[in-house]
Amino acid sequence: MSKRRILTLIVIPVLLISGLIIVLVNNPRESTDTLILAQQRVDFGTLPEWEGTVTRSVTARNIGKRTLRIQSVHIGCSYAKIRAPEQILPNEEAAFHIVLNPATLPTDEITATATIFTDSLKTPSVTLTIVAAAKRFATLNPDVCDFGNILPETTHHKELKLSLNAPLDASGIRLLPSNQPELTWQMTAPPDTATGHLITVRLRSLRDSGRFSSLLTVAFPNERTLTFPVTAEIVTSTHSTSTR
């Protein structure tokens, strides 16, 4: 066989195949489906808890040429849920609906991250940040009634400020009876109710030394309640830090 024939039938085809393999290895076929969110952060702001659940929506687009499927959505909190589409057609948009319940939000501003998992090789997961804070319908300051160290057989009282944020009829507020006979309380409204109501808690005639602990509950006309702990340490020394 002549050298020209060998070059034509063997060498050149081998070189061409080798070059093609190198091109395919260095330039793999790109995924044709890609999920793009219109925004990666949703700030709900401060939500009044008495107004119920709130929904915000985020638009997502599949900028590819193949149908993109949403496999799952994971979110590391219990106060928010996300309704997601099952799939997004090529060059189409769909909405992810974030549903948040302010009544279950922590007191301070929270930040949660949701992860959207897809079957896309290019965007197998996309993250979405959720920010929110709750405005309580009522707050107590302080939110714990701590008498500190007190002596046996003595009487003590503390005042707490009850602030109403929701449009409630204050005349319908009730203080539920305590199951501790040594613990009594009453509520008074100052002339300027905008400054809040005062709750006076009295503790008396405790005999046994040790830790005292109980709960008091404020009932509101909207069928909501606000519970706070009452604590004290009964000691035999004269070093008492409570207010009488």
Protein backbone atom coordinates (compact mmCIF):
# COMPACT_ATOMS: atom_id res chain seq x y z
CA MET A 1 0.00 0.00 0.00
CA SER A 2 1.40 3.38 -0.98
CA LYS A 3 2.19 6.08 1.56
CA ARG A 4 -0.41 8.36 -0.01
CA ARG A 5 -3.09 5.70 0.35
CA ILE A 6 -2.10 5.04 3.97
CA LEU A 7 -2.25 8.78 4.68
CA THR A 8 -5.68 9.05 3.04
CA LEU A 9 -7.32 5.95 4.53
CA ILE A 10 -5.79 5.80 8.02
CA VAL A 11 -3.81 8.79 9.24
CA ILE A 12 -6.14 11.60 8.20
CA PRO A 13 -9.34 9.94 9.57
CA VAL A 14 -7.57 9.18 12.86
CA LEU A 15 -6.47 12.80 13.19
CA LEU A 16 -9.97 14.05 12.41
CA ILE A 17 -11.59 11.72 14.97
CA SER A 18 -9.01 12.68 17.59
CA GLY A 19 -9.64 16.37 16.97
CA LEU A 20 -13.39 15.86 17.28
CA ILE A 21 -12.97 14.01 20.56
CA ILE A 22 -10.81 16.82 21.93
CA VAL A 23 -13.42 19.41 20.94
CA LEU A 24 -16.24 17.43 22.58
CA VAL A 25 -14.27 16.95 25.79
CA ASN A 26 -13.28 20.58 26.09
CA ASN A 27 -16.69 21.93 25.04
CA PRO A 28 -19.38 19.73 26.62
CA ARG A 29 -22.94 20.30 25.56
CA GLU A 30 -24.42 23.02 27.74
CA SER A 31 -27.72 22.52 29.50
CA THR A 32 -30.44 24.34 27.65
CA ASP A 33 -32.62 24.99 30.72
CA THR A 34 -31.74 27.67 33.24
CA LEU A 35 -33.83 29.07 36.11
CA ILE A 36 -33.52 32.82 36.68
CA LEU A 37 -35.33 34.55 39.59
CA ALA A 38 -36.53 38.11 39.10
CA GLN A 39 -35.27 38.81 42.63
CA GLN A 40 -33.27 36.76 45.12
CA ARG A 41 -34.44 38.59 48.26
CA VAL A 42 -38.00 39.21 49.44
CA ASP A 43 -38.46 41.65 52.33
CA PHE A 44 -41.91 41.46 53.89
CA GLY A 45 -41.17 44.36 56.22
CA THR A 46 -43.03 44.51 59.56
CA LEU A 47 -46.27 42.54 59.53
CA PRO A 48 -49.11 43.09 62.07
CA GLU A 49 -49.85 39.63 63.38
CA TRP A 50 -53.57 40.36 63.80
CA GLU A 51 -54.02 40.82 60.04
CA GLY A 52 -53.34 37.16 59.23
CA THR A 53 -51.15 35.48 56.62
CA VAL A 54 -49.40 37.47 53.90
CA THR A 55 -48.37 36.28 50.44
CA ARG A 56 -45.60 37.64 48.22
CA SER A 57 -44.72 36.30 44.78
CA VAL A 58 -41.43 35.97 42.95
CA THR A 59 -41.32 35.53 39.18
CA ALA A 60 -38.97 32.93 37.72
CA ARG A 61 -38.06 32.42 34.05
CA ASN A 62 -36.71 29.43 32.17
CA ILE A 63 -34.37 31.05 29.64
CA GLY A 64 -33.52 27.74 27.97
CA LYS A 65 -35.02 25.63 25.22
CA ARG A 66 -36.03 22.65 27.35
CA THR A 67 -38.78 22.30 29.94
CA LEU A 68 -37.40 22.85 33.44
CA ARG A 69 -38.87 20.84 36.30
CA ILE A 70 -39.00 21.94 39.92
CA GLN A 71 -38.03 18.94 42.03
CA SER A 72 -38.49 20.40 45.54
CA VAL A 73 -38.28 23.53 47.66
CA HIS A 74 -36.62 23.41 51.07
CA ILE A 75 -36.98 26.18 53.63
CA GLY A 76 -35.46 26.03 57.09
CA CYS A 77 -38.32 27.51 59.11
CA SER A 78 -41.88 26.72 60.17
CA TYR A 79 -43.44 30.16 59.71
CA ALA A 80 -43.24 30.30 55.89
CA LYS A 81 -44.38 28.07 53.06
CA ILE A 82 -43.65 28.29 49.32
CA ARG A 83 -46.06 27.19 46.60
CA ALA A 84 -43.98 26.30 43.56
CA PRO A 85 -44.89 25.38 39.98
CA GLU A 86 -44.19 21.82 38.90
CA GLN A 87 -42.44 22.92 35.71
CA ILE A 88 -41.60 25.96 33.60
CA LEU A 89 -41.78 25.76 29.82
CA PRO A 90 -38.94 27.06 27.62
CA ASN A 91 -38.70 30.85 27.58
CA GLU A 92 -41.73 31.08 29.89
CA GLU A 93 -42.35 32.55 33.35
CA ALA A 94 -43.95 31.13 36.48
CA ALA A 95 -44.46 32.41 40.02
CA PHE A 96 -43.26 31.12 43.37
CA HIS A 97 -45.74 32.19 46.07
CA ILE A 98 -44.31 32.76 49.57
CA VAL A 99 -46.95 32.50 52.31
CA LEU A 100 -45.95 33.81 55.73
CA ASN A 101 -47.86 33.69 59.02
CA PRO A 102 -46.88 36.67 61.24
CA ALA A 103 -48.43 35.05 64.32
CA THR A 104 -45.70 32.40 64.31
CA LEU A 105 -42.80 34.72 63.55
CA PRO A 106 -40.06 35.24 66.14
CA THR A 107 -40.15 38.57 67.95
CA ASP A 108 -37.07 40.01 66.25
CA GLU A 109 -36.52 40.42 62.51
CA ILE A 110 -35.75 37.06 60.92
CA THR A 111 -33.91 35.98 57.80
CA ALA A 112 -34.57 32.60 56.22
CA THR A 113 -33.16 30.97 53.11
CA ALA A 114 -35.23 28.86 50.74
CA THR A 115 -33.50 26.54 48.28
CA ILE A 116 -35.22 25.64 45.01
CA PHE A 117 -34.02 22.36 43.48
CA THR A 118 -34.46 21.76 39.74
CA ASP A 119 -33.47 19.17 37.13
CA SER A 120 -31.28 21.71 35.34
CA LEU A 121 -27.59 20.87 35.01
CA LYS A 122 -26.78 24.56 34.89
CA THR A 123 -28.92 25.67 37.83
CA PRO A 124 -29.58 22.55 39.96
CA SER A 125 -30.35 24.79 42.93
CA VAL A 126 -31.28 28.45 43.36
CA THR A 127 -31.56 30.26 46.71
CA LEU A 128 -34.10 32.84 47.82
CA THR A 129 -33.72 34.98 50.97
CA ILE A 130 -36.83 35.88 53.00
CA VAL A 131 -36.80 38.73 55.53
CA ALA A 132 -39.68 39.67 57.86
CA ALA A 133 -40.59 40.98 61.30
CA ALA A 134 -43.81 40.73 63.30
CA LYS A 135 -45.69 43.48 65.10
CA ARG A 136 -47.44 41.94 68.10
CA PHE A 137 -51.04 42.84 68.88
CA ALA A 138 -49.95 43.43 72.47
CA THR A 139 -46.66 43.53 74.36
CA LEU A 140 -45.58 43.52 77.98
CA ASN A 141 -42.61 45.42 79.35
CA PRO A 142 -40.92 43.64 80.96
CA ASP A 143 -42.19 40.35 79.59
CA VAL A 144 -41.12 38.47 82.74
CA CYS A 145 -42.19 39.42 86.26
CA ASP A 146 -39.13 38.52 88.33
CA PHE A 147 -39.22 39.47 92.02
CA GLY A 148 -35.65 38.33 92.56
CA ASN A 149 -34.60 37.32 96.08
CA ILE A 150 -37.30 37.85 98.71
CA LEU A 151 -37.72 36.98 102.38
CA PRO A 152 -40.39 34.55 103.63
CA GLU A 153 -43.68 35.98 104.90
CA THR A 154 -43.23 39.33 103.13
CA THR A 155 -45.30 41.17 100.53
CA HIS A 156 -43.95 42.50 97.27
CA HIS A 157 -45.33 44.06 94.09
CA LYS A 158 -44.12 44.84 90.59
CA GLU A 159 -45.62 46.81 87.72
CA LEU A 160 -45.64 45.85 84.06
CA LYS A 161 -46.69 48.00 81.14
CA LEU A 162 -49.21 46.51 78.71
CA SER A 163 -49.16 48.15 75.27
CA LEU A 164 -51.91 47.53 72.72
CA ASN A 165 -50.92 47.70 69.07
CA ALA A 166 -54.04 46.22 67.51
CA PRO A 167 -57.38 48.07 67.43
CA LEU A 168 -58.86 46.35 70.50
CA ASP A 169 -61.57 47.34 72.95
CA ALA A 170 -59.55 47.63 76.15
CA SER A 171 -62.68 47.20 78.27
CA GLY A 172 -62.83 43.58 77.14
CA ILE A 173 -59.41 42.67 78.49
CA ARG A 174 -59.54 40.16 81.36
CA LEU A 175 -56.90 38.99 83.84
CA LEU A 176 -57.39 35.26 84.36
CA PRO A 177 -57.31 34.08 87.99
CA SER A 178 -54.05 32.65 89.26
CA ASN A 179 -53.89 29.13 90.66
CA GLN A 180 -51.58 30.44 93.39
CA PRO A 181 -53.41 32.05 96.37
CA GLU A 182 -50.26 34.05 97.18
CA LEU A 183 -50.34 35.71 93.76
CA THR A 184 -52.83 38.48 92.88
CA TRP A 185 -52.90 41.12 90.17
CA GLN A 186 -54.92 43.99 88.76
CA MET A 187 -54.88 46.28 85.74
CA THR A 188 -55.36 50.04 85.69
CA ALA A 189 -55.62 52.41 82.74
CA PRO A 190 -53.83 55.76 83.04
CA PRO A 191 -55.60 58.96 81.86
CA ASP A 192 -53.65 58.76 78.61
CA THR A 193 -54.28 55.19 77.44
CA ALA A 194 -51.83 55.72 74.59
CA THR A 195 -49.08 55.23 77.15
CA GLY A 196 -50.37 51.74 77.91
CA HIS A 197 -52.10 49.98 80.78
CA LEU A 198 -50.39 49.14 84.04
CA ILE A 199 -50.55 45.63 85.48
CA THR A 200 -49.64 45.37 89.15
CA VAL A 201 -48.60 41.92 90.38
CA ARG A 202 -48.52 41.22 94.13
CA LEU A 203 -46.77 38.34 95.83
CA ARG A 204 -47.18 37.71 99.57
CA SER A 205 -46.95 35.26 102.44
CA LEU A 206 -44.57 32.72 100.91
CA ARG A 207 -43.21 30.54 103.67
CA ASP A 208 -40.97 27.87 102.19
CA SER A 209 -37.54 28.83 100.93
CA GLY A 210 -36.61 27.98 97.36
CA ARG A 211 -37.82 28.83 93.88
CA PHE A 212 -41.33 30.17 93.23
CA SER A 213 -42.67 30.01 89.67
CA SER A 214 -46.10 30.58 88.15
CA LEU A 215 -47.81 31.87 85.01
CA LEU A 216 -50.31 34.68 84.57
CA THR A 217 -52.52 35.07 81.49
CA VAL A 218 -54.11 38.15 79.96
CA ALA A 219 -57.18 37.39 77.81
CA PHE A 220 -58.19 39.78 75.01
CA PRO A 221 -61.55 40.30 73.29
CA ASN A 222 -60.13 38.96 70.02
CA GLU A 223 -59.81 35.54 71.72
CA ARG A 224 -56.04 35.90 71.93
CA THR A 225 -54.05 35.51 75.12
CA LEU A 226 -50.71 36.75 76.41
CA THR A 227 -48.96 34.68 79.06
CA PHE A 228 -45.96 35.71 81.14
CA PRO A 229 -44.01 33.99 83.94
CA VAL A 230 -43.77 35.15 87.54
CA THR A 231 -40.66 34.07 89.42
CA ALA A 232 -39.04 34.64 92.81
CA GLU A 233 -36.36 33.11 94.99
CA ILE A 234 -37.35 32.82 98.66
CA VAL A 235 -34.21 33.13 100.79
CA THR A 236 -33.52 33.27 104.52
CA SER A 237 -30.79 35.91 104.35
CA THR A 238 -31.47 39.64 104.59
CA HIS A 239 -30.11 40.36 101.10
CA SER A 240 -33.39 40.93 99.22
CA THR A 241 -33.36 42.66 95.83
CA SER A 242 -37.12 42.97 95.25
CA THR A 243 -39.42 45.98 95.30
CA ARG A 244 -41.92 46.04 98.13
